Structure formats: structure tokens, C-alpha cells
């Protein structure tokens, strides 16, 4: 279930600004991208799992 829907189910009177939630979701996505990008190894020619 998307967080937006969970939020609505938990607190139906929540009048939070949707744009603000969208902005936060975008920031969260970007931070995950940075984390994943940082975790990826550089071009590894020794990778024996590569087919």
C-alpha cells in the first residue's frame, strides 16, 4: 500500500499538503539513488559472475 493511502487510512482528517509530500518523496528517491550509486563497485573486470 502506498504511503499516501496508509496515511489516509490512519488519519482520514489529515489535510497535509500533497505537493509537500510529493517533494519529500522525491527527495527520498534521490537520496536512495545516491546511496545505491555509492554502493555500486567501479567497473570490475574481475567479476566472475558476469555472463
C-alpha atoms as a PDB file:
ATOM      1  CA  UNK A   1       0.000   0.000   0.000  1.00  0.00           C
ATOM      2  CA  UNK A   2       1.446   3.400  -0.951  1.00  0.00           C
ATOM      3  CA  UNK A   3       2.368   5.635   1.988  1.00  0.00           C
ATOM      4  CA  UNK A   4      -0.188   8.209   0.881  1.00  0.00           C
ATOM      5  CA  UNK A   5      -3.010   5.700   1.215  1.00  0.00           C
ATOM      6  CA  UNK A   6      -1.691   4.353   4.531  1.00  0.00           C
ATOM      7  CA  UNK A   7      -1.596   7.915   5.824  1.00  0.00           C
ATOM      8  CA  UNK A   8      -5.168   8.485   4.725  1.00  0.00           C
ATOM      9  CA  UNK A   9      -6.322   5.274   6.415  1.00  0.00           C
ATOM     10  CA  UNK A  10      -4.531   6.111   9.645  1.00  0.00           C
ATOM     11  CA  UNK A  11      -5.622   9.744   9.761  1.00  0.00           C
ATOM     12  CA  UNK A  12      -8.588  10.482   7.474  1.00  0.00           C
ATOM     13  CA  UNK A  13      -8.697  14.109   8.644  1.00  0.00           C
ATOM     14  CA  UNK A  14      -5.104  14.699   7.524  1.00  0.00           C
ATOM     15  CA  UNK A  15      -5.060  17.849   5.388  1.00  0.00           C
ATOM     16  CA  UNK A  16      -1.340  17.655   4.610  1.00  0.00           C
ATOM     17  CA  UNK A  17      -0.213  19.482   1.521  1.00  0.00           C
ATOM     18  CA  UNK A  18       0.102  16.860  -1.253  1.00  0.00           C
ATOM     19  CA  UNK A  19       2.774  18.876  -3.024  1.00  0.00           C
ATOM     20  CA  UNK A  20       4.874  18.857   0.141  1.00  0.00           C
ATOM     21  CA  UNK A  21       4.513  15.059   0.413  1.00  0.00           C
ATOM     22  CA  UNK A  22       5.482  14.692  -3.250  1.00  0.00           C
ATOM     23  CA  UNK A  23       8.554  16.871  -2.713  1.00  0.00           C
ATOM     24  CA  UNK A  24       9.578  14.762   0.280  1.00  0.00           C
ATOM     25  CA  UNK A  25       9.063  11.558  -1.712  1.00  0.00           C
ATOM     26  CA  UNK A  26      11.253  12.944  -4.499  1.00  0.00           C
ATOM     27  CA  UNK A  27      13.997  13.891  -2.040  1.00  0.00           C
ATOM     28  CA  UNK A  28      13.805  10.399  -0.546  1.00  0.00           C
ATOM     29  CA  UNK A  29      14.153   8.826  -4.002  1.00  0.00           C
ATOM     30  CA  UNK A  30      17.174  10.987  -4.771  1.00  0.00           C
ATOM     31  CA  UNK A  31      18.856  10.076  -1.505  1.00  0.00           C
ATOM     32  CA  UNK A  32      18.277   6.367  -2.214  1.00  0.00           C
ATOM     33  CA  UNK A  33      19.810   6.849  -5.647  1.00  0.00           C
ATOM     34  CA  UNK A  34      22.888   8.439  -4.094  1.00  0.00           C
ATOM     35  CA  UNK A  35      23.207   5.563  -1.602  1.00  0.00           C
ATOM     36  CA  UNK A  36      22.828   2.907  -4.291  1.00  0.00           C
ATOM     37  CA  UNK A  37      25.227   4.689  -6.613  1.00  0.00           C
ATOM     38  CA  UNK A  38      27.802   4.919  -3.840  1.00  0.00           C
ATOM     39  CA  UNK A  39      27.439   1.180  -3.073  1.00  0.00           C
ATOM     40  CA  UNK A  40      27.986   0.107  -6.673  1.00  0.00           C
ATOM     41  CA  UNK A  41      31.538  -1.007  -7.354  1.00  0.00           C
ATOM     42  CA  UNK A  42      33.516   0.611 -10.119  1.00  0.00           C
ATOM     43  CA  UNK A  43      33.890  -1.294 -13.372  1.00  0.00           C
ATOM     44  CA  UNK A  44      35.113  -4.646 -12.104  1.00  0.00           C
ATOM     45  CA  UNK A  45      36.753  -6.737 -14.811  1.00  0.00           C
ATOM     46  CA  UNK A  46      37.368  -9.495 -12.245  1.00  0.00           C
ATOM     47  CA  UNK A  47      33.639 -10.191 -11.781  1.00  0.00           C
ATOM     48  CA  UNK A  48      33.329 -13.969 -12.276  1.00  0.00           C
ATOM     49  CA  UNK A  49      29.506 -13.811 -12.029  1.00  0.00           C
ATOM     50  CA  UNK A  50      29.248 -11.726 -15.193  1.00  0.00           C
ATOM     51  CA  UNK A  51      27.918 -13.682 -18.168  1.00  0.00           C
END
